[in-house]
Amino acid sequence: MLDFDLAVIYEAPTKALKQAVKRNMRRFPPDFMFELTKEEWKELVTNCDQIPESMKHSYIPPFAFTEHGVTMLSTVLRSDVAIHRGNIYRPERHQRGYTHTT
């Protein structure tokens, strides 16, 4: 998921989300999160109709988060929504691990 989509989910400004990530980069290894290159961002804007119009002309490429990165993001954002979302993800991970072991 891209940072601006997650900002909507976590009810936080995209700028605040990016600042929280940059302050906690050690928590986001490459398999959790990466920043699109300018070329990747340009190609995505060209090929994807789902990008909000307000984001299409941004000169700052977004961060892209994997499932683990989304979960980690809920631990670095300081909001009640982020805490609540983080608690929702926890049981899912437990159940998934359980189904793989049976």
N, C-alpha and C. Protein backbone atom coordinates (compact mmCIF):
# COMPACT_ATOMS: atom_id res chain seq x y z
N MET A 1 0.85 -1.18 0.00
CA MET A 1 0.00 0.00 0.00
C MET A 1 0.89 1.24 0.00
N LEU A 2 0.38 2.28 -0.59
CA LEU A 2 1.15 3.52 -0.65
C LEU A 2 0.84 4.42 0.54
N ASP A 3 1.80 5.27 0.86
CA ASP A 3 1.69 6.10 2.07
C ASP A 3 0.43 6.95 2.12
N PHE A 4 0.01 7.51 0.99
CA PHE A 4 -1.17 8.38 1.02
C PHE A 4 -2.45 7.59 1.26
N ASP A 5 -2.50 6.34 0.83
CA ASP A 5 -3.65 5.48 1.14
C ASP A 5 -3.68 5.13 2.63
N LEU A 6 -2.52 4.84 3.18
CA LEU A 6 -2.44 4.51 4.61
C LEU A 6 -2.74 5.73 5.47
N ALA A 7 -2.37 6.91 4.99
CA ALA A 7 -2.68 8.13 5.74
C ALA A 7 -4.19 8.27 5.92
N VAL A 8 -4.95 7.90 4.91
CA VAL A 8 -6.41 7.95 5.01
C VAL A 8 -6.89 6.94 6.05
N ILE A 9 -6.38 5.72 5.98
CA ILE A 9 -6.79 4.66 6.91
C ILE A 9 -6.47 5.04 8.35
N TYR A 10 -5.27 5.58 8.57
CA TYR A 10 -4.83 5.93 9.92
C TYR A 10 -5.28 7.33 10.35
N GLU A 11 -6.00 8.01 9.46
CA GLU A 11 -6.51 9.35 9.74
C GLU A 11 -5.39 10.29 10.20
N ALA A 12 -4.32 10.28 9.41
CA ALA A 12 -3.16 11.14 9.70
C ALA A 12 -2.74 11.81 8.39
N PRO A 13 -2.20 13.01 8.47
CA PRO A 13 -1.67 13.64 7.26
C PRO A 13 -0.52 12.81 6.69
N THR A 14 -0.42 12.74 5.38
CA THR A 14 0.66 11.98 4.75
C THR A 14 2.03 12.47 5.22
N LYS A 15 2.15 13.77 5.38
CA LYS A 15 3.42 14.35 5.84
C LYS A 15 3.79 13.82 7.23
N ALA A 16 2.83 13.73 8.13
CA ALA A 16 3.09 13.22 9.49
C ALA A 16 3.47 11.75 9.44
N LEU A 17 2.80 10.99 8.57
CA LEU A 17 3.11 9.57 8.43
C LEU A 17 4.55 9.39 7.94
N LYS A 18 4.93 10.15 6.92
CA LYS A 18 6.29 10.05 6.39
C LYS A 18 7.33 10.47 7.44
N GLN A 19 7.04 11.50 8.21
CA GLN A 19 7.97 11.94 9.26
C GLN A 19 8.14 10.84 10.31
N ALA A 20 7.05 10.19 10.69
CA ALA A 20 7.13 9.11 11.69
C ALA A 20 7.98 7.97 11.16
N VAL A 21 7.83 7.64 9.89
CA VAL A 21 8.63 6.58 9.29
C VAL A 21 10.10 6.97 9.26
N LYS A 22 10.38 8.19 8.83
CA LYS A 22 11.78 8.63 8.74
C LYS A 22 12.46 8.68 10.11
N ARG A 23 11.69 8.98 11.15
CA ARG A 23 12.25 8.98 12.51
C ARG A 23 12.52 7.56 13.01
N ASN A 24 11.90 6.57 12.38
CA ASN A 24 11.99 5.18 12.84
C ASN A 24 12.43 4.25 11.71
N MET A 25 13.34 4.68 10.88
CA MET A 25 13.76 3.90 9.71
C MET A 25 14.28 2.51 10.07
N ARG A 26 14.87 2.35 11.24
CA ARG A 26 15.39 1.04 11.64
C ARG A 26 14.28 0.01 11.78
N ARG A 27 13.06 0.47 11.99
CA ARG A 27 11.92 -0.45 12.12
C ARG A 27 11.36 -0.88 10.76
N PHE A 28 11.85 -0.28 9.69
CA PHE A 28 11.31 -0.54 8.36
C PHE A 28 12.39 -1.04 7.40
N PRO A 29 12.78 -2.30 7.52
CA PRO A 29 13.74 -2.84 6.56
C PRO A 29 13.12 -2.90 5.16
N PRO A 30 13.92 -3.15 4.13
CA PRO A 30 13.41 -3.13 2.75
C PRO A 30 12.24 -4.09 2.49
N ASP A 31 12.12 -5.15 3.27
CA ASP A 31 10.99 -6.06 3.04
C ASP A 31 9.72 -5.59 3.77
N PHE A 32 9.80 -4.44 4.48
CA PHE A 32 8.63 -3.83 5.12
C PHE A 32 8.17 -2.59 4.36
N MET A 33 9.14 -1.84 3.80
CA MET A 33 8.82 -0.56 3.19
C MET A 33 9.96 -0.12 2.28
N PHE A 34 9.61 0.54 1.19
CA PHE A 34 10.62 1.15 0.33
C PHE A 34 10.01 2.39 -0.32
N GLU A 35 10.87 3.28 -0.76
CA GLU A 35 10.41 4.48 -1.45
C GLU A 35 10.50 4.25 -2.95
N LEU A 36 9.42 4.54 -3.65
CA LEU A 36 9.43 4.41 -5.10
C LEU A 36 10.44 5.39 -5.68
N THR A 37 11.10 5.00 -6.75
CA THR A 37 11.96 5.94 -7.45
C THR A 37 11.07 6.91 -8.23
N LYS A 38 11.64 8.00 -8.68
CA LYS A 38 10.85 8.96 -9.46
C LYS A 38 10.34 8.31 -10.75
N GLU A 39 11.15 7.44 -11.34
CA GLU A 39 10.72 6.74 -12.55
C GLU A 39 9.57 5.78 -12.26
N GLU A 40 9.65 5.04 -11.15
CA GLU A 40 8.56 4.13 -10.77
C GLU A 40 7.26 4.89 -10.50
N TRP A 41 7.40 6.01 -9.80
CA TRP A 41 6.24 6.83 -9.48
C TRP A 41 5.59 7.36 -10.76
N LYS A 42 6.41 7.85 -11.68
CA LYS A 42 5.88 8.37 -12.94
C LYS A 42 5.16 7.27 -13.71
N GLU A 43 5.73 6.08 -13.76
CA GLU A 43 5.10 4.95 -14.46
C GLU A 43 3.78 4.55 -13.78
N LEU A 44 3.77 4.54 -12.46
CA LEU A 44 2.55 4.20 -11.72
C LEU A 44 1.43 5.20 -12.01
N VAL A 45 1.78 6.48 -11.99
CA VAL A 45 0.79 7.52 -12.27
C VAL A 45 0.24 7.36 -13.70
N THR A 46 1.11 7.01 -14.62
CA THR A 46 0.71 6.84 -16.01
C THR A 46 -0.23 5.65 -16.19
N ASN A 47 0.01 4.58 -15.45
CA ASN A 47 -0.72 3.33 -15.67
C ASN A 47 -1.87 3.05 -14.72
N CYS A 48 -1.99 3.80 -13.65
CA CYS A 48 -2.99 3.49 -12.63
C CYS A 48 -4.04 4.59 -12.53
N ASP A 49 -5.28 4.20 -12.70
CA ASP A 49 -6.37 5.18 -12.62
C ASP A 49 -6.82 5.44 -11.19
N GLN A 50 -6.36 4.65 -10.24
CA GLN A 50 -6.84 4.73 -8.86
C GLN A 50 -6.12 5.77 -8.01
N ILE A 51 -5.08 6.38 -8.53
CA ILE A 51 -4.33 7.37 -7.75
C ILE A 51 -5.14 8.66 -7.69
N PRO A 52 -5.31 9.20 -6.48
CA PRO A 52 -6.07 10.45 -6.35
C PRO A 52 -5.45 11.57 -7.20
N GLU A 53 -6.30 12.36 -7.79
CA GLU A 53 -5.84 13.45 -8.66
C GLU A 53 -4.85 14.37 -7.93
N SER A 54 -5.10 14.61 -6.65
CA SER A 54 -4.23 15.50 -5.87
C SER A 54 -2.82 14.94 -5.71
N MET A 55 -2.66 13.63 -5.83
CA MET A 55 -1.35 13.01 -5.66
C MET A 55 -0.59 12.84 -6.97
N LYS A 56 -1.28 12.86 -8.08
CA LYS A 56 -0.66 12.57 -9.37
C LYS A 56 0.47 13.52 -9.73
N HIS A 57 0.42 14.74 -9.25
CA HIS A 57 1.42 15.73 -9.63
C HIS A 57 2.44 15.98 -8.51
N SER A 58 2.44 15.11 -7.53
CA SER A 58 3.41 15.25 -6.43
C SER A 58 4.82 14.96 -6.94
N TYR A 59 5.75 15.79 -6.58
CA TYR A 59 7.14 15.57 -6.98
C TYR A 59 7.88 14.67 -6.00
N ILE A 60 7.23 14.32 -4.89
CA ILE A 60 7.84 13.46 -3.89
C ILE A 60 7.29 12.05 -4.06
N PRO A 61 8.13 11.08 -4.43
CA PRO A 61 7.64 9.71 -4.59
C PRO A 61 7.14 9.14 -3.26
N PRO A 62 6.10 8.33 -3.30
CA PRO A 62 5.55 7.79 -2.06
C PRO A 62 6.36 6.60 -1.53
N PHE A 63 6.11 6.29 -0.27
CA PHE A 63 6.61 5.05 0.32
C PHE A 63 5.60 3.96 -0.02
N ALA A 64 6.08 2.76 -0.26
CA ALA A 64 5.22 1.60 -0.46
C ALA A 64 5.47 0.63 0.69
N PHE A 65 4.40 0.15 1.29
CA PHE A 65 4.49 -0.71 2.47
C PHE A 65 3.97 -2.11 2.18
N THR A 66 4.68 -3.10 2.68
CA THR A 66 4.20 -4.48 2.63
C THR A 66 3.26 -4.70 3.81
N GLU A 67 2.71 -5.89 3.91
CA GLU A 67 1.82 -6.21 5.03
C GLU A 67 2.51 -5.97 6.37
N HIS A 68 3.76 -6.39 6.48
CA HIS A 68 4.49 -6.20 7.74
C HIS A 68 4.78 -4.73 7.99
N GLY A 69 5.03 -3.98 6.94
CA GLY A 69 5.26 -2.55 7.08
C GLY A 69 4.01 -1.82 7.56
N VAL A 70 2.86 -2.24 7.08
CA VAL A 70 1.60 -1.62 7.52
C VAL A 70 1.40 -1.85 9.01
N THR A 71 1.68 -3.07 9.45
CA THR A 71 1.55 -3.38 10.87
C THR A 71 2.55 -2.58 11.70
N MET A 72 3.79 -2.48 11.23
CA MET A 72 4.81 -1.72 11.96
C MET A 72 4.43 -0.24 11.99
N LEU A 73 3.83 0.25 10.94
CA LEU A 73 3.43 1.65 10.89
C LEU A 73 2.49 1.99 12.04
N SER A 74 1.61 1.08 12.39
CA SER A 74 0.68 1.35 13.49
C SER A 74 1.40 1.51 14.83
N THR A 75 2.63 1.01 14.92
CA THR A 75 3.38 1.16 16.18
C THR A 75 4.15 2.47 16.26
N VAL A 76 4.39 3.12 15.13
CA VAL A 76 5.17 4.37 15.17
C VAL A 76 4.29 5.62 15.08
N LEU A 77 3.06 5.45 14.63
CA LEU A 77 2.14 6.60 14.60
C LEU A 77 1.53 6.79 15.97
N ARG A 78 1.41 8.02 16.38
CA ARG A 78 0.90 8.32 17.72
C ARG A 78 -0.54 8.81 17.64
N SER A 79 -1.43 7.90 17.39
CA SER A 79 -2.84 8.28 17.36
C SER A 79 -3.67 7.10 17.84
N ASP A 80 -4.84 7.40 18.34
CA ASP A 80 -5.74 6.35 18.80
C ASP A 80 -6.14 5.43 17.65
N VAL A 81 -6.32 6.00 16.47
CA VAL A 81 -6.69 5.19 15.31
C VAL A 81 -5.58 4.20 14.99
N ALA A 82 -4.34 4.63 15.01
CA ALA A 82 -3.21 3.74 14.72
C ALA A 82 -3.12 2.63 15.76
N ILE A 83 -3.32 2.95 17.01
CA ILE A 83 -3.28 1.94 18.06
C ILE A 83 -4.39 0.92 17.85
N HIS A 84 -5.57 1.41 17.55
CA HIS A 84 -6.72 0.52 17.31
C HIS A 84 -6.47 -0.38 16.10
N ARG A 85 -5.98 0.19 15.01
CA ARG A 85 -5.70 -0.60 13.80
C ARG A 85 -4.63 -1.65 14.08
N GLY A 86 -3.61 -1.29 14.84
CA GLY A 86 -2.57 -2.24 15.20
C GLY A 86 -3.11 -3.42 15.99
N ASN A 87 -4.06 -3.16 16.87
CA ASN A 87 -4.67 -4.23 17.64
C ASN A 87 -5.55 -5.14 16.77
N ILE A 88 -6.11 -4.59 15.71
CA ILE A 88 -6.93 -5.40 14.80
C ILE A 88 -6.05 -6.38 14.04
N TYR A 89 -4.86 -5.94 13.62
CA TYR A 89 -3.98 -6.80 12.82
C TYR A 89 -3.43 -7.97 13.64
N ARG A 90 -3.26 -7.80 14.92
CA ARG A 90 -2.63 -8.81 15.75
C ARG A 90 -3.36 -10.15 15.73
N PRO A 91 -4.65 -10.23 15.97
CA PRO A 91 -5.32 -11.53 15.94
C PRO A 91 -5.26 -12.20 14.57
N GLU A 92 -5.30 -11.41 13.50
CA GLU A 92 -5.20 -11.98 12.16
C GLU A 92 -3.89 -12.73 11.99
N ARG A 93 -2.81 -12.15 12.42
CA ARG A 93 -1.50 -12.80 12.30
C ARG A 93 -1.48 -14.08 13.10
N HIS A 94 -2.07 -14.07 14.29
CA HIS A 94 -2.08 -15.25 15.13
C HIS A 94 -2.88 -16.36 14.46
N GLN A 95 -4.06 -16.04 13.95
CA GLN A 95 -4.89 -17.04 13.31
C GLN A 95 -4.21 -17.62 12.08
N ARG A 96 -3.57 -16.78 11.31
CA ARG A 96 -2.91 -17.24 10.10
C ARG A 96 -1.80 -18.23 10.46
N GLY A 97 -1.03 -17.92 11.50
CA GLY A 97 0.02 -18.83 11.95
C GLY A 97 -0.56 -20.15 12.42
N TYR A 98 -1.70 -20.10 13.06
CA TYR A 98 -2.34 -21.29 13.56
C TYR A 98 -2.80 -22.19 12.42
N THR A 99 -3.36 -21.60 11.39
CA THR A 99 -3.87 -22.41 10.28
C THR A 99 -2.74 -23.06 9.51
N HIS A 100 -1.56 -22.47 9.49
CA HIS A 100 -0.43 -23.06 8.79
C HIS A 100 0.16 -24.24 9.55
N THR A 101 -0.03 -24.27 10.86
CA THR A 101 0.58 -25.33 11.65
C THR A 101 -0.31 -26.55 11.80
N THR A 102 -1.58 -26.43 11.42
CA THR A 102 -2.49 -27.58 11.57
C THR A 102 -2.64 -28.34 10.28
